[in-house]
Amino acid sequence: MQSQVRGGTRWKRFAVVMVPSVAATAAIGVALAQGALAASFSVSGQSFKVTTKQLDGTGFSQYGAMDEGYTLTGDKTLHPVAVSAFKSATIKSLCQSVVTPNVPVFGNVSLILRAGDGDTPVKAENLYIDVAQLEADATFRGIDIGVAAKDANKGPGMKSGEVANKQANPYGFAQQADSVTLKNVKQTAWATTAGTFKLSGLKMSLSTGVKECY
């Protein structure tokens, strides 16, 4: 359901999981913003959870892709993701957690990272988040829905190598916006990459058992 809010579009409890087309597509030239990141990496066999009090981003785009990764036993696997890309973002009260199961002697081991809880938020440039599940209160400004991924030019562009490696369909569904505010974010992701990522007030802890951000 949509309602106009101060020139933007707002969805309460916004949630999206886009499963992209992975049909073979001829490689095409994709104009990338300076500093766009290479996509020729594999993700681990573990997803991680992230919460933030508020994310304010400019130059936003989102499109479907496939992350190639490995299971915890070393077998190759594919993960459908919605790639959320921001030219710049500030993040308040960031929490990131990952649980490694069945560690010898210790059992489950949890890693929790926190940053941006003080007056200085986390700051990122050319930020890409490969999202499997997302919940948030979202406000988009200057939004375009249903553009082809290759034409989503408000964000930093598709990752280098995604089209050639058939990880993303340049003609698949995408959306973009001049800016976006996400509040009360809860998400599960497979990867996060950024040109720069400044973590103010960084705190990291390891503990036994299952302890997650949500």
C-alpha atoms as a PDB file:
ATOM      1  CA  MET A   1       0.000   0.000   0.000  1.00  0.00           C
ATOM      2  CA  GLN A   2       1.355   3.406  -0.906  1.00  0.00           C
ATOM      3  CA  SER A   3       0.844   6.872   0.468  1.00  0.00           C
ATOM      4  CA  GLN A   4       2.565  10.107  -0.473  1.00  0.00           C
ATOM      5  CA  VAL A   5       4.686  11.458   2.367  1.00  0.00           C
ATOM      6  CA  ARG A   6       6.519  14.755   1.816  1.00  0.00           C
ATOM      7  CA  GLY A   7       7.270  13.996  -1.819  1.00  0.00           C
ATOM      8  CA  GLY A   8       8.340  10.425  -1.154  1.00  0.00           C
ATOM      9  CA  THR A   9       6.720   7.017  -0.977  1.00  0.00           C
ATOM     10  CA  ARG A  10       6.437   5.154   2.314  1.00  0.00           C
ATOM     11  CA  TRP A  11       5.753   1.507   3.065  1.00  0.00           C
ATOM     12  CA  LYS A  12       5.152   0.457   6.674  1.00  0.00           C
ATOM     13  CA  ARG A  13       7.154  -2.680   7.488  1.00  0.00           C
ATOM     14  CA  PHE A  14       8.789  -2.693   4.062  1.00  0.00           C
ATOM     15  CA  ALA A  15       9.959  -6.184   3.087  1.00  0.00           C
ATOM     16  CA  VAL A  16      11.418  -7.355  -0.231  1.00  0.00           C
ATOM     17  CA  VAL A  17      13.076 -10.491  -1.551  1.00  0.00           C
ATOM     18  CA  MET A  18      13.636 -10.318  -5.291  1.00  0.00           C
ATOM     19  CA  VAL A  19      14.522 -13.539  -7.091  1.00  0.00           C
ATOM     20  CA  PRO A  20      16.336 -12.545 -10.277  1.00  0.00           C
ATOM     21  CA  SER A  21      16.374 -14.140 -13.675  1.00  0.00           C
ATOM     22  CA  VAL A  22      19.642 -15.966 -14.284  1.00  0.00           C
ATOM     23  CA  ALA A  23      19.101 -16.778 -17.964  1.00  0.00           C
ATOM     24  CA  ALA A  24      22.261 -16.551 -20.038  1.00  0.00           C
ATOM     25  CA  THR A  25      22.717 -12.963 -21.188  1.00  0.00           C
ATOM     26  CA  ALA A  26      25.362 -11.589 -23.523  1.00  0.00           C
ATOM     27  CA  ALA A  27      27.827  -9.382 -21.684  1.00  0.00           C
ATOM     28  CA  ILE A  28      27.188  -5.707 -22.273  1.00  0.00           C
ATOM     29  CA  GLY A  29      29.074  -2.585 -21.331  1.00  0.00           C
ATOM     30  CA  VAL A  30      27.767  -1.195 -18.048  1.00  0.00           C
ATOM     31  CA  ALA A  31      28.577   2.378 -17.070  1.00  0.00           C
ATOM     32  CA  LEU A  32      29.879   2.241 -13.499  1.00  0.00           C
ATOM     33  CA  ALA A  33      30.371   5.130 -11.128  1.00  0.00           C
ATOM     34  CA  GLN A  34      33.960   5.735 -10.087  1.00  0.00           C
ATOM     35  CA  GLY A  35      34.846   3.491  -7.178  1.00  0.00           C
ATOM     36  CA  ALA A  36      32.281   0.771  -7.939  1.00  0.00           C
ATOM     37  CA  LEU A  37      33.419  -2.553  -6.511  1.00  0.00           C
ATOM     38  CA  ALA A  38      34.301  -5.797  -8.210  1.00  0.00           C
ATOM     39  CA  ALA A  39      31.815  -8.643  -7.802  1.00  0.00           C
ATOM     40  CA  SER A  40      34.211 -11.507  -8.475  1.00  0.00           C
ATOM     41  CA  PHE A  41      34.157 -12.890  -4.952  1.00  0.00           C
ATOM     42  CA  SER A  42      32.483 -15.826  -3.247  1.00  0.00           C
ATOM     43  CA  VAL A  43      30.415 -15.530  -0.102  1.00  0.00           C
ATOM     44  CA  SER A  44      30.853 -17.804   2.888  1.00  0.00           C
ATOM     45  CA  GLY A  45      28.484 -20.521   3.952  1.00  0.00           C
ATOM     46  CA  GLN A  46      26.970 -18.256   6.601  1.00  0.00           C
ATOM     47  CA  SER A  47      24.556 -15.370   6.385  1.00  0.00           C
ATOM     48  CA  PHE A  48      24.605 -12.667   9.050  1.00  0.00           C
ATOM     49  CA  LYS A  49      22.053 -10.458  10.750  1.00  0.00           C
ATOM     50  CA  VAL A  50      22.115  -6.663  10.874  1.00  0.00           C
ATOM     51  CA  THR A  51      20.046  -4.107  12.746  1.00  0.00           C
ATOM     52  CA  THR A  52      20.231  -0.321  12.589  1.00  0.00           C
ATOM     53  CA  LYS A  53      18.242   2.404  14.274  1.00  0.00           C
ATOM     54  CA  GLN A  54      18.330   4.519  11.107  1.00  0.00           C
ATOM     55  CA  LEU A  55      20.045   4.484   7.722  1.00  0.00           C
ATOM     56  CA  ASP A  56      20.030   7.611   5.553  1.00  0.00           C
ATOM     57  CA  GLY A  57      21.258   6.976   2.027  1.00  0.00           C
ATOM     58  CA  THR A  58      21.664   9.020  -1.147  1.00  0.00           C
ATOM     59  CA  GLY A  59      21.879   7.637  -4.668  1.00  0.00           C
ATOM     60  CA  PHE A  60      19.948   4.396  -3.992  1.00  0.00           C
ATOM     61  CA  SER A  61      19.306   1.482  -6.335  1.00  0.00           C
ATOM     62  CA  GLN A  62      18.174  -2.120  -5.822  1.00  0.00           C
ATOM     63  CA  TYR A  63      18.234  -5.060  -8.219  1.00  0.00           C
ATOM     64  CA  GLY A  64      18.192  -8.843  -8.171  1.00  0.00           C
ATOM     65  CA  ALA A  65      21.357 -10.940  -8.315  1.00  0.00           C
ATOM     66  CA  MET A  66      22.822 -14.317  -7.408  1.00  0.00           C
ATOM     67  CA  ASP A  67      25.703 -14.675  -4.942  1.00  0.00           C
ATOM     68  CA  GLU A  68      27.917 -17.689  -5.506  1.00  0.00           C
ATOM     69  CA  GLY A  69      29.111 -19.194  -2.289  1.00  0.00           C
ATOM     70  CA  TYR A  70      29.917 -22.325  -0.369  1.00  0.00           C
ATOM     71  CA  THR A  71      28.152 -24.356   2.269  1.00  0.00           C
ATOM     72  CA  LEU A  72      29.894 -25.062   5.566  1.00  0.00           C
ATOM     73  CA  THR A  73      30.927 -28.416   4.092  1.00  0.00           C
ATOM     74  CA  GLY A  74      32.594 -26.771   1.089  1.00  0.00           C
ATOM     75  CA  ASP A  75      29.955 -27.465  -1.567  1.00  0.00           C
ATOM     76  CA  LYS A  76      29.166 -24.668  -4.027  1.00  0.00           C
ATOM     77  CA  THR A  77      25.764 -23.016  -3.767  1.00  0.00           C
ATOM     78  CA  LEU A  78      23.834 -20.002  -5.067  1.00  0.00           C
ATOM     79  CA  HIS A  79      21.969 -17.433  -2.992  1.00  0.00           C
ATOM     80  CA  PRO A  80      19.281 -15.186  -4.554  1.00  0.00           C
ATOM     81  CA  VAL A  81      19.707 -11.673  -3.173  1.00  0.00           C
ATOM     82  CA  ALA A  82      18.417  -8.148  -3.597  1.00  0.00           C
ATOM     83  CA  VAL A  83      21.463  -5.915  -3.957  1.00  0.00           C
ATOM     84  CA  SER A  84      20.870  -2.582  -2.207  1.00  0.00           C
ATOM     85  CA  ALA A  85      23.391   0.001  -3.408  1.00  0.00           C
ATOM     86  CA  PHE A  86      24.049   3.488  -2.037  1.00  0.00           C
ATOM     87  CA  LYS A  87      26.417   6.188  -3.268  1.00  0.00           C
ATOM     88  CA  SER A  88      26.684   7.303   0.345  1.00  0.00           C
ATOM     89  CA  ALA A  89      25.058   6.321   3.627  1.00  0.00           C
ATOM     90  CA  THR A  90      25.089   7.229   7.307  1.00  0.00           C
ATOM     91  CA  ILE A  91      24.028   4.577   9.807  1.00  0.00           C
ATOM     92  CA  LYS A  92      23.008   5.047  13.428  1.00  0.00           C
ATOM     93  CA  SER A  93      23.371   2.214  15.969  1.00  0.00           C
ATOM     94  CA  LEU A  94      24.714  -0.542  13.746  1.00  0.00           C
ATOM     95  CA  CYS A  95      24.701  -4.113  15.041  1.00  0.00           C
ATOM     96  CA  GLN A  96      26.024  -7.050  13.019  1.00  0.00           C
ATOM     97  CA  SER A  97      26.080 -10.640  14.231  1.00  0.00           C
ATOM     98  CA  VAL A  98      27.107 -14.018  12.887  1.00  0.00           C
ATOM     99  CA  VAL A  99      26.937 -17.414  14.600  1.00  0.00           C
ATOM    100  CA  THR A 100      29.455 -20.143  13.772  1.00  0.00           C
ATOM    101  CA  PRO A 101      27.952 -23.509  14.748  1.00  0.00           C
ATOM    102  CA  ASN A 102      29.637 -26.603  16.108  1.00  0.00           C
ATOM    103  CA  VAL A 103      33.084 -25.194  16.870  1.00  0.00           C
ATOM    104  CA  PRO A 104      35.154 -27.982  18.488  1.00  0.00           C
ATOM    105  CA  VAL A 105      35.174 -27.737  22.303  1.00  0.00           C
ATOM    106  CA  PHE A 106      33.120 -24.500  22.340  1.00  0.00           C
ATOM    107  CA  GLY A 107      30.015 -25.440  20.357  1.00  0.00           C
ATOM    108  CA  ASN A 108      28.220 -22.405  18.877  1.00  0.00           C
ATOM    109  CA  VAL A 109      30.288 -19.202  18.851  1.00  0.00           C
ATOM    110  CA  SER A 110      28.724 -15.775  18.265  1.00  0.00           C
ATOM    111  CA  LEU A 111      30.487 -12.690  16.932  1.00  0.00           C
ATOM    112  CA  ILE A 112      28.750  -9.339  17.493  1.00  0.00           C
ATOM    113  CA  LEU A 113      29.974  -6.023  16.111  1.00  0.00           C
ATOM    114  CA  ARG A 114      28.494  -2.676  17.163  1.00  0.00           C
ATOM    115  CA  ALA A 115      29.264   0.860  15.969  1.00  0.00           C
ATOM    116  CA  GLY A 116      27.696   4.285  15.556  1.00  0.00           C
ATOM    117  CA  ASP A 117      25.974   4.333  18.957  1.00  0.00           C
ATOM    118  CA  GLY A 118      27.335   7.758  19.912  1.00  0.00           C
ATOM    119  CA  ASP A 119      27.040  11.164  18.273  1.00  0.00           C
ATOM    120  CA  THR A 120      29.022  10.088  15.188  1.00  0.00           C
ATOM    121  CA  PRO A 121      27.223   7.605  12.911  1.00  0.00           C
ATOM    122  CA  VAL A 122      28.800   4.954  10.722  1.00  0.00           C
ATOM    123  CA  LYS A 123      29.618   6.379   7.287  1.00  0.00           C
ATOM    124  CA  ALA A 124      29.971   4.491   4.013  1.00  0.00           C
ATOM    125  CA  GLU A 125      30.644   5.343   0.366  1.00  0.00           C
ATOM    126  CA  ASN A 126      29.713   3.115  -2.593  1.00  0.00           C
ATOM    127  CA  LEU A 127      27.967   0.703  -0.239  1.00  0.00           C
ATOM    128  CA  TYR A 128      26.531  -2.613  -1.507  1.00  0.00           C
ATOM    129  CA  ILE A 129      24.460  -4.933   0.707  1.00  0.00           C
ATOM    130  CA  ASP A 130      23.430  -8.347  -0.640  1.00  0.00           C
ATOM    131  CA  VAL A 131      20.151  -8.816   1.189  1.00  0.00           C
ATOM    132  CA  ALA A 132      18.179 -12.048   1.651  1.00  0.00           C
ATOM    133  CA  GLN A 133      15.488 -10.545   3.903  1.00  0.00           C
ATOM    134  CA  LEU A 134      14.682  -7.003   5.006  1.00  0.00           C
ATOM    135  CA  GLU A 135      12.198  -5.342   7.337  1.00  0.00           C
ATOM    136  CA  ALA A 136      12.127  -1.584   7.957  1.00  0.00           C
ATOM    137  CA  ASP A 137      10.043   1.561   7.988  1.00  0.00           C
ATOM    138  CA  ALA A 138      11.101   3.050   4.657  1.00  0.00           C
ATOM    139  CA  THR A 139      10.734   6.461   3.054  1.00  0.00           C
ATOM    140  CA  PHE A 140      11.856   6.882  -0.568  1.00  0.00           C
ATOM    141  CA  ARG A 141      12.306  10.248  -2.278  1.00  0.00           C
ATOM    142  CA  GLY A 142      12.298  10.567  -6.058  1.00  0.00           C
ATOM    143  CA  ILE A 143      11.604   6.867  -6.559  1.00  0.00           C
ATOM    144  CA  ASP A 144      11.475   5.000  -9.882  1.00  0.00           C
ATOM    145  CA  ILE A 145      10.051   1.466  -9.741  1.00  0.00           C
ATOM    146  CA  GLY A 146      10.377  -1.109 -12.509  1.00  0.00           C
ATOM    147  CA  VAL A 147      13.414   0.217 -14.383  1.00  0.00           C
ATOM    148  CA  ALA A 148      15.874  -2.180 -15.997  1.00  0.00           C
ATOM    149  CA  ALA A 149      18.835  -2.885 -13.743  1.00  0.00           C
ATOM    150  CA  LYS A 150      21.275  -1.498 -16.308  1.00  0.00           C
ATOM    151  CA  ASP A 151      19.354   1.795 -16.396  1.00  0.00           C
ATOM    152  CA  ALA A 152      19.287   2.355 -12.625  1.00  0.00           C
ATOM    153  CA  ASN A 153      21.675   5.300 -12.662  1.00  0.00           C
ATOM    154  CA  LYS A 154      20.878   7.060  -9.385  1.00  0.00           C
ATOM    155  CA  GLY A 155      22.952   4.579  -7.384  1.00  0.00           C
ATOM    156  CA  PRO A 156      26.606   3.598  -7.847  1.00  0.00           C
ATOM    157  CA  GLY A 157      25.749   1.163 -10.668  1.00  0.00           C
ATOM    158  CA  MET A 158      25.811  -2.612 -10.936  1.00  0.00           C
ATOM    159  CA  LYS A 159      28.885  -4.301  -9.537  1.00  0.00           C
ATOM    160  CA  SER A 160      31.718  -4.863 -11.957  1.00  0.00           C
ATOM    161  CA  GLY A 161      31.651  -8.410 -13.321  1.00  0.00           C
ATOM    162  CA  GLU A 162      28.072  -9.275 -12.349  1.00  0.00           C
ATOM    163  CA  VAL A 163      26.784  -9.284 -15.933  1.00  0.00           C
ATOM    164  CA  ALA A 164      29.782 -11.069 -17.455  1.00  0.00           C
ATOM    165  CA  ASN A 165      29.653 -13.710 -14.720  1.00  0.00           C
ATOM    166  CA  LYS A 166      25.863 -14.062 -15.160  1.00  0.00           C
ATOM    167  CA  GLN A 167      25.280 -13.133 -11.526  1.00  0.00           C
ATOM    168  CA  ALA A 168      22.736 -10.471 -12.499  1.00  0.00           C
ATOM    169  CA  ASN A 169      20.420  -9.807 -15.446  1.00  0.00           C
ATOM    170  CA  PRO A 170      20.967  -6.240 -16.735  1.00  0.00           C
ATOM    171  CA  TYR A 171      17.413  -6.267 -18.114  1.00  0.00           C
ATOM    172  CA  GLY A 172      15.866  -7.521 -14.877  1.00  0.00           C
ATOM    173  CA  PHE A 173      13.624  -5.581 -12.483  1.00  0.00           C
ATOM    174  CA  ALA A 174      15.167  -2.760 -10.467  1.00  0.00           C
ATOM    175  CA  GLN A 175      14.118   0.283  -8.495  1.00  0.00           C
ATOM    176  CA  GLN A 176      15.973   3.462  -7.605  1.00  0.00           C
ATOM    177  CA  ALA A 177      15.560   6.676  -5.618  1.00  0.00           C
ATOM    178  CA  ASP A 178      17.314   9.978  -5.071  1.00  0.00           C
ATOM    179  CA  SER A 179      17.453   9.249  -1.347  1.00  0.00           C
ATOM    180  CA  VAL A 180      16.034   6.834   1.201  1.00  0.00           C
ATOM    181  CA  THR A 181      15.567   6.680   4.962  1.00  0.00           C
ATOM    182  CA  LEU A 182      15.242   3.265   6.611  1.00  0.00           C
ATOM    183  CA  LYS A 183      14.275   3.125  10.285  1.00  0.00           C
ATOM    184  CA  ASN A 184      14.197   0.144  12.676  1.00  0.00           C
ATOM    185  CA  VAL A 185      16.035  -2.035  10.188  1.00  0.00           C
ATOM    186  CA  LYS A 186      16.246  -5.803  10.575  1.00  0.00           C
ATOM    187  CA  GLN A 187      17.905  -7.713   7.773  1.00  0.00           C
ATOM    188  CA  THR A 188      19.648 -10.920   6.877  1.00  0.00           C
ATOM    189  CA  ALA A 189      22.463 -10.548   4.349  1.00  0.00           C
ATOM    190  CA  TRP A 190      25.157 -12.589   2.640  1.00  0.00           C
ATOM    191  CA  ALA A 191      27.696  -9.858   1.928  1.00  0.00           C
ATOM    192  CA  THR A 192      28.481  -6.181   2.475  1.00  0.00           C
ATOM    193  CA  THR A 193      31.088  -4.285   0.463  1.00  0.00           C
ATOM    194  CA  ALA A 194      31.997  -0.604   0.363  1.00  0.00           C
ATOM    195  CA  GLY A 195      34.565   1.740  -1.098  1.00  0.00           C
ATOM    196  CA  THR A 196      35.025   3.227   2.383  1.00  0.00           C
ATOM    197  CA  PHE A 197      33.403   2.132   5.649  1.00  0.00           C
ATOM    198  CA  LYS A 198      34.065   4.255   8.734  1.00  0.00           C
ATOM    199  CA  LEU A 199      32.989   2.570  11.968  1.00  0.00           C
ATOM    200  CA  SER A 200      32.883   5.082  14.814  1.00  0.00           C
ATOM    201  CA  GLY A 201      32.913   3.669  18.339  1.00  0.00           C
ATOM    202  CA  LEU A 202      33.580   0.137  17.107  1.00  0.00           C
ATOM    203  CA  LYS A 203      32.998  -2.638  19.639  1.00  0.00           C
ATOM    204  CA  MET A 204      33.432  -6.335  18.872  1.00  0.00           C
ATOM    205  CA  SER A 205      32.786  -9.320  21.121  1.00  0.00           C
ATOM    206  CA  LEU A 206      32.970 -13.104  20.912  1.00  0.00           C
ATOM    207  CA  SER A 207      30.910 -15.385  23.125  1.00  0.00           C
ATOM    208  CA  THR A 208      29.741 -18.967  23.265  1.00  0.00           C
ATOM    209  CA  GLY A 209      26.149 -19.824  22.495  1.00  0.00           C
ATOM    210  CA  VAL A 210      23.737 -18.163  20.073  1.00  0.00           C
ATOM    211  CA  LYS A 211      23.637 -14.386  20.528  1.00  0.00           C
ATOM    212  CA  GLU A 212      22.345 -12.290  17.638  1.00  0.00           C
ATOM    213  CA  CYS A 213      21.286  -8.713  16.945  1.00  0.00           C
ATOM    214  CA  TYR A 214      17.661  -9.906  16.677  1.00  0.00           C
END
